[in-house]
């Protein structure tokens, strides 16, 4: 207590000056509308900045919830459009193409993603209780990811497009020529399109899409663009390197695709 008293005595002149300065500024602000408006504006600027920063922090931590909401909305819209026969997988890479079969979409989150092995798999958090079953296609909003191999009640294992056993029907967007999409195990950003006939007219930069010649993927889902190409040893087919639209090392959310006519189509295909 004595120290406080000594401080006040030793600094009485400075403290008195500070008190008088505050009083004079207060009277000035109260008696002049211009100065008062400036003070209010400055206060609003500071408080507004503080609230803006606080809101930004809240928004950041709310991104997960917002992403989930958007995915649910996308899932609902995809299914509504598919029911109307409208393309639901068009991206900035692929133009609109009408589907000729009824497809439905189920969103899922990737919980494990391999991409550095020769045979890579992806694990997603949707399974049989969510109507996800083997031989269903898996995509992102950019393009093809893989095909469901096995399922449990709550999870599914997907054969990644980066797997030596992967064979996906794909072809040129601008024509009906198609082949098999495979991976040579080297670059996770590049896959190979085999058995495209040499009669096909192709050039670097052409878009590769799914051609819908199976019950797994509808026609028109983006795969990537032609990086380069060459004829095989017999000069009968092209071997095409395709730069993927997807970054397969960074897959967060996906959609599984169900073809509701799959069983009917397969039953007819078995008839000799």
Protein backbone atom coordinates (compact mmCIF):
# COMPACT_ATOMS: atom_id res chain seq x y z
CA UNK A 1 0.00 0.00 0.00
CA UNK A 2 2.85 2.34 0.87
CA UNK A 3 4.42 1.66 -2.51
CA UNK A 4 1.21 2.73 -4.26
CA UNK A 5 1.09 5.94 -2.23
CA UNK A 6 4.75 6.67 -3.02
CA UNK A 7 4.07 6.05 -6.72
CA UNK A 8 1.14 8.49 -6.75
CA UNK A 9 3.19 11.14 -4.91
CA UNK A 10 6.21 10.76 -7.17
CA UNK A 11 4.10 10.89 -10.37
CA UNK A 12 1.41 13.31 -9.27
CA UNK A 13 2.21 15.84 -12.01
CA UNK A 14 2.08 13.29 -14.81
CA UNK A 15 -1.09 11.71 -13.47
CA UNK A 16 -2.75 15.10 -13.09
CA UNK A 17 -1.85 15.97 -16.69
CA UNK A 18 -3.24 12.65 -17.96
CA UNK A 19 -6.49 13.15 -16.04
CA UNK A 20 -6.94 16.67 -17.40
CA UNK A 21 -6.18 15.45 -20.94
CA UNK A 22 -8.84 12.74 -20.73
CA UNK A 23 -11.40 15.22 -19.37
CA UNK A 24 -10.66 17.76 -22.09
CA UNK A 25 -10.96 15.14 -24.83
CA UNK A 26 -14.22 13.92 -23.34
CA UNK A 27 -15.70 17.43 -23.27
CA UNK A 28 -14.53 18.06 -26.84
CA UNK A 29 -16.14 14.90 -28.15
CA UNK A 30 -19.41 15.53 -26.31
CA UNK A 31 -19.68 19.14 -27.51
CA UNK A 32 -18.72 18.59 -31.19
CA UNK A 33 -20.74 16.17 -33.33
CA UNK A 34 -17.88 15.80 -35.86
CA UNK A 35 -15.41 14.57 -33.27
CA UNK A 36 -18.05 12.33 -31.72
CA UNK A 37 -18.80 10.70 -35.08
CA UNK A 38 -15.10 10.07 -35.67
CA UNK A 39 -14.70 8.40 -32.29
CA UNK A 40 -17.76 6.23 -32.89
CA UNK A 41 -16.50 5.27 -36.36
CA UNK A 42 -13.12 4.28 -34.96
CA UNK A 43 -14.75 2.23 -32.24
CA UNK A 44 -16.97 0.50 -34.79
CA UNK A 45 -13.95 -0.23 -36.96
CA UNK A 46 -12.07 -1.86 -34.09
CA UNK A 47 -15.05 -3.82 -32.79
CA UNK A 48 -16.06 -4.77 -36.33
CA UNK A 49 -12.57 -6.08 -37.00
CA UNK A 50 -12.66 -8.07 -33.79
CA UNK A 51 -16.06 -9.60 -34.58
CA UNK A 52 -14.97 -10.30 -38.15
CA UNK A 53 -11.90 -12.15 -36.89
CA UNK A 54 -14.03 -14.05 -34.37
CA UNK A 55 -16.51 -14.96 -37.12
CA UNK A 56 -13.69 -16.13 -39.39
CA UNK A 57 -12.38 -18.43 -36.67
CA UNK A 58 -15.88 -19.82 -36.11
CA UNK A 59 -16.32 -20.32 -39.86
CA UNK A 60 -13.02 -22.20 -40.06
CA UNK A 61 -13.99 -24.66 -37.35
CA UNK A 62 -17.43 -25.01 -38.94
CA UNK A 63 -16.07 -26.03 -42.35
CA UNK A 64 -16.42 -29.75 -41.63
CA UNK A 65 -20.12 -29.36 -40.85
CA UNK A 66 -20.62 -27.11 -43.89
CA UNK A 67 -18.85 -29.59 -46.18
CA UNK A 68 -21.04 -32.39 -44.89
CA UNK A 69 -24.15 -30.30 -45.54
CA UNK A 70 -23.03 -29.51 -49.09
CA UNK A 71 -22.26 -33.15 -49.80
CA UNK A 72 -25.72 -34.16 -48.62
CA UNK A 73 -27.25 -31.51 -50.84
CA UNK A 74 -25.17 -32.65 -53.83
CA UNK A 75 -26.21 -36.25 -53.20
CA UNK A 76 -29.89 -35.27 -53.14
CA UNK A 77 -29.59 -33.15 -56.32
CA UNK A 78 -27.66 -35.83 -58.19
CA UNK A 79 -30.36 -38.38 -57.43
CA UNK A 80 -33.16 -35.99 -58.42
CA UNK A 81 -31.49 -35.12 -61.72
CA UNK A 82 -30.67 -38.76 -62.46
CA UNK A 83 -34.32 -39.69 -61.91
CA UNK A 84 -35.21 -37.10 -64.57
CA UNK A 85 -32.65 -38.51 -67.00
CA UNK A 86 -30.34 -35.51 -66.70
CA UNK A 87 -26.55 -35.74 -66.48
CA UNK A 88 -25.44 -35.53 -62.85
CA UNK A 89 -21.70 -35.94 -63.19
CA UNK A 90 -20.84 -33.13 -65.57
CA UNK A 91 -17.71 -31.28 -64.52
CA UNK A 92 -15.75 -28.40 -65.92
CA UNK A 93 -13.94 -31.05 -67.98
CA UNK A 94 -16.91 -32.95 -69.41
CA UNK A 95 -19.90 -31.52 -71.23
CA UNK A 96 -23.45 -32.56 -70.39
CA UNK A 97 -24.42 -36.02 -71.66
CA UNK A 98 -27.88 -37.49 -70.97
CA UNK A 99 -27.89 -40.82 -69.16
CA UNK A 100 -29.82 -43.71 -70.69
CA UNK A 101 -30.05 -45.74 -67.47
CA UNK A 102 -31.28 -44.92 -63.95
CA UNK A 103 -28.37 -44.25 -61.62
CA UNK A 104 -28.39 -43.16 -57.99
CA UNK A 105 -25.53 -41.72 -55.94
CA UNK A 106 -24.43 -42.15 -52.33
CA UNK A 107 -21.85 -39.86 -50.75
CA UNK A 108 -19.03 -41.33 -48.67
CA UNK A 109 -15.89 -40.20 -46.90
CA UNK A 110 -12.50 -41.76 -47.66
CA UNK A 111 -10.91 -43.09 -44.48
CA UNK A 112 -7.90 -44.75 -46.12
CA UNK A 113 -6.31 -44.11 -49.50
CA UNK A 114 -3.33 -46.05 -50.87
CA UNK A 115 -1.48 -44.71 -53.91
CA UNK A 116 2.19 -45.73 -53.53
CA UNK A 117 1.85 -49.49 -54.12
CA UNK A 118 1.34 -51.49 -57.28
CA UNK A 119 -2.12 -52.59 -56.10
CA UNK A 120 -3.85 -49.75 -54.27
CA UNK A 121 -7.16 -49.76 -52.42
CA UNK A 122 -9.43 -47.11 -50.92
CA UNK A 123 -11.57 -47.60 -47.82
CA UNK A 124 -14.82 -45.60 -47.54
CA UNK A 125 -17.23 -45.17 -44.61
CA UNK A 126 -20.36 -46.50 -46.34
CA UNK A 127 -21.39 -50.16 -46.70
CA UNK A 128 -24.29 -52.54 -47.17
CA UNK A 129 -26.61 -50.67 -44.80
CA UNK A 130 -26.14 -47.64 -47.07
CA UNK A 131 -26.91 -49.70 -50.22
CA UNK A 132 -23.28 -49.85 -51.30
CA UNK A 133 -22.36 -53.22 -52.85
CA UNK A 134 -19.57 -54.81 -54.93
CA UNK A 135 -19.19 -53.75 -58.58
CA UNK A 136 -20.48 -50.24 -57.97
CA UNK A 137 -18.51 -47.37 -59.49
CA UNK A 138 -16.89 -44.71 -57.30
CA UNK A 139 -16.26 -41.14 -58.45
CA UNK A 140 -15.57 -37.61 -57.25
CA UNK A 141 -16.99 -34.45 -58.77
CA UNK A 142 -13.91 -34.46 -61.05
CA UNK A 143 -13.95 -38.02 -62.29
CA UNK A 144 -13.42 -41.77 -61.84
CA UNK A 145 -11.84 -43.15 -58.65
CA UNK A 146 -12.41 -46.91 -58.80
CA UNK A 147 -14.84 -49.80 -58.31
CA UNK A 148 -16.20 -51.28 -55.07
CA UNK A 149 -14.66 -54.72 -54.47
CA UNK A 150 -15.89 -55.82 -51.03
CA UNK A 151 -18.37 -54.47 -48.50
CA UNK A 152 -19.27 -54.91 -44.85
CA UNK A 153 -22.21 -53.45 -42.97
CA UNK A 154 -20.60 -50.01 -42.54
CA UNK A 155 -17.57 -49.91 -44.86
CA UNK A 156 -16.46 -50.71 -48.40
CA UNK A 157 -13.14 -51.49 -50.03
CA UNK A 158 -12.62 -49.92 -53.44
CA UNK A 159 -10.19 -51.09 -56.10
CA UNK A 160 -8.46 -47.84 -56.94
CA UNK A 161 -7.89 -46.83 -60.53
CA UNK A 162 -4.25 -47.10 -59.40
CA UNK A 163 -4.33 -50.90 -59.21
CA UNK A 164 -2.75 -53.41 -61.58
CA UNK A 165 -6.01 -55.40 -61.54
CA UNK A 166 -8.18 -52.41 -62.46
CA UNK A 167 -9.89 -52.56 -65.87
CA UNK A 168 -12.32 -49.73 -66.59
CA UNK A 169 -14.09 -49.12 -69.87
CA UNK A 170 -13.20 -45.65 -71.20
CA UNK A 171 -12.66 -43.88 -74.48
CA UNK A 172 -12.56 -40.69 -76.47
CA UNK A 173 -15.14 -38.05 -75.70
CA UNK A 174 -15.34 -36.92 -79.32
CA UNK A 175 -15.91 -40.37 -80.84
CA UNK A 176 -17.15 -43.88 -80.06
CA UNK A 177 -13.70 -45.48 -79.96
CA UNK A 178 -12.90 -46.94 -76.57
CA UNK A 179 -10.54 -49.28 -74.76
CA UNK A 180 -9.48 -50.49 -71.31
CA UNK A 181 -8.14 -48.14 -68.67
CA UNK A 182 -5.20 -49.68 -66.76
CA UNK A 183 -2.25 -48.51 -64.62
CA UNK A 184 1.42 -49.35 -65.10
CA UNK A 185 2.28 -48.74 -61.42
CA UNK A 186 4.51 -45.73 -62.01
CA UNK A 187 2.95 -42.27 -61.72
CA UNK A 188 -0.21 -41.89 -59.55
CA UNK A 189 -1.33 -39.03 -61.80
CA UNK A 190 -1.10 -40.97 -65.08
CA UNK A 191 -2.96 -44.08 -66.25
CA UNK A 192 -2.95 -45.91 -69.57
CA UNK A 193 -5.74 -46.47 -72.08
CA UNK A 194 -5.15 -49.63 -74.10
CA UNK A 195 -6.67 -51.25 -77.20
CA UNK A 196 -7.98 -48.07 -78.81
CA UNK A 197 -7.96 -48.96 -82.55
CA UNK A 198 -5.45 -47.22 -84.76
CA UNK A 199 -8.31 -45.89 -86.89
CA UNK A 200 -9.18 -43.49 -84.08
CA UNK A 201 -8.32 -39.86 -84.66
CA UNK A 202 -6.63 -38.62 -81.50
CA UNK A 203 -4.39 -35.80 -80.35
CA UNK A 204 -2.75 -34.66 -77.15
CA UNK A 205 -5.17 -32.85 -74.85
CA UNK A 206 -8.24 -34.82 -75.97
CA UNK A 207 -10.65 -35.70 -73.16
CA UNK A 208 -11.14 -39.30 -72.02
CA UNK A 209 -14.48 -40.29 -70.46
CA UNK A 210 -16.35 -43.43 -69.45
CA UNK A 211 -18.28 -44.79 -72.40
CA UNK A 212 -21.12 -46.49 -70.56
CA UNK A 213 -20.50 -49.93 -72.06
CA UNK A 214 -20.96 -51.60 -68.70
CA UNK A 215 -23.41 -51.42 -65.80
CA UNK A 216 -20.82 -49.81 -63.52
CA UNK A 217 -20.37 -46.26 -64.82
CA UNK A 218 -22.77 -44.13 -66.86
CA UNK A 219 -21.46 -42.55 -70.02
CA UNK A 220 -19.72 -39.21 -69.70
CA UNK A 221 -17.80 -39.34 -66.42
CA UNK A 222 -14.46 -37.59 -66.73
CA UNK A 223 -11.23 -39.57 -66.55
CA UNK A 224 -8.51 -37.23 -67.80
CA UNK A 225 -6.79 -35.85 -70.89
CA UNK A 226 -4.38 -37.46 -73.36
CA UNK A 227 -0.79 -36.74 -72.36
CA UNK A 228 0.88 -38.67 -75.19
CA UNK A 229 0.35 -41.85 -77.23
CA UNK A 230 1.98 -44.43 -79.49
CA UNK A 231 1.03 -47.54 -81.48
CA UNK A 232 1.64 -50.95 -79.91
CA UNK A 233 4.12 -53.48 -81.28
CA UNK A 234 1.67 -54.88 -83.83
CA UNK A 235 0.68 -51.36 -84.93
CA UNK A 236 -2.98 -52.31 -84.41
CA UNK A 237 -3.87 -50.32 -81.30
CA UNK A 238 -2.84 -47.18 -79.49
CA UNK A 239 -1.30 -47.13 -76.04
CA UNK A 240 -2.36 -43.78 -74.57
CA UNK A 241 -1.04 -42.08 -71.44
CA UNK A 242 -3.87 -40.23 -69.69
CA UNK A 243 -3.36 -37.40 -67.18
CA UNK A 244 -6.08 -37.88 -64.55
CA UNK A 245 -8.50 -35.13 -63.59
CA UNK A 246 -8.42 -36.40 -60.01
CA UNK A 247 -5.42 -35.97 -57.76
CA UNK A 248 -5.42 -39.56 -56.53
CA UNK A 249 -3.12 -38.65 -53.63
CA UNK A 250 -5.76 -36.29 -52.22
CA UNK A 251 -9.18 -37.94 -52.26
CA UNK A 252 -11.45 -36.82 -49.42
CA UNK A 253 -15.09 -37.42 -50.38
CA UNK A 254 -16.55 -39.64 -53.09
CA UNK A 255 -19.86 -40.85 -54.52
CA UNK A 256 -20.73 -44.49 -55.14
CA UNK A 257 -22.94 -45.14 -58.16
CA UNK A 258 -25.77 -47.66 -58.19
CA UNK A 259 -27.32 -48.80 -61.46
CA UNK A 260 -30.82 -49.92 -60.50
CA UNK A 261 -31.13 -51.89 -63.76
CA UNK A 262 -27.86 -53.75 -63.26
CA UNK A 263 -29.37 -57.14 -62.35
CA UNK A 264 -31.80 -57.05 -65.26
CA UNK A 265 -29.05 -56.21 -67.74
CA UNK A 266 -26.69 -58.88 -66.39
CA UNK A 267 -29.41 -61.51 -66.52
CA UNK A 268 -29.90 -60.83 -70.24
CA UNK A 269 -26.15 -60.88 -70.90
CA UNK A 270 -25.99 -64.45 -69.53
CA UNK A 271 -28.45 -65.71 -72.15
CA UNK A 272 -26.61 -67.51 -74.95
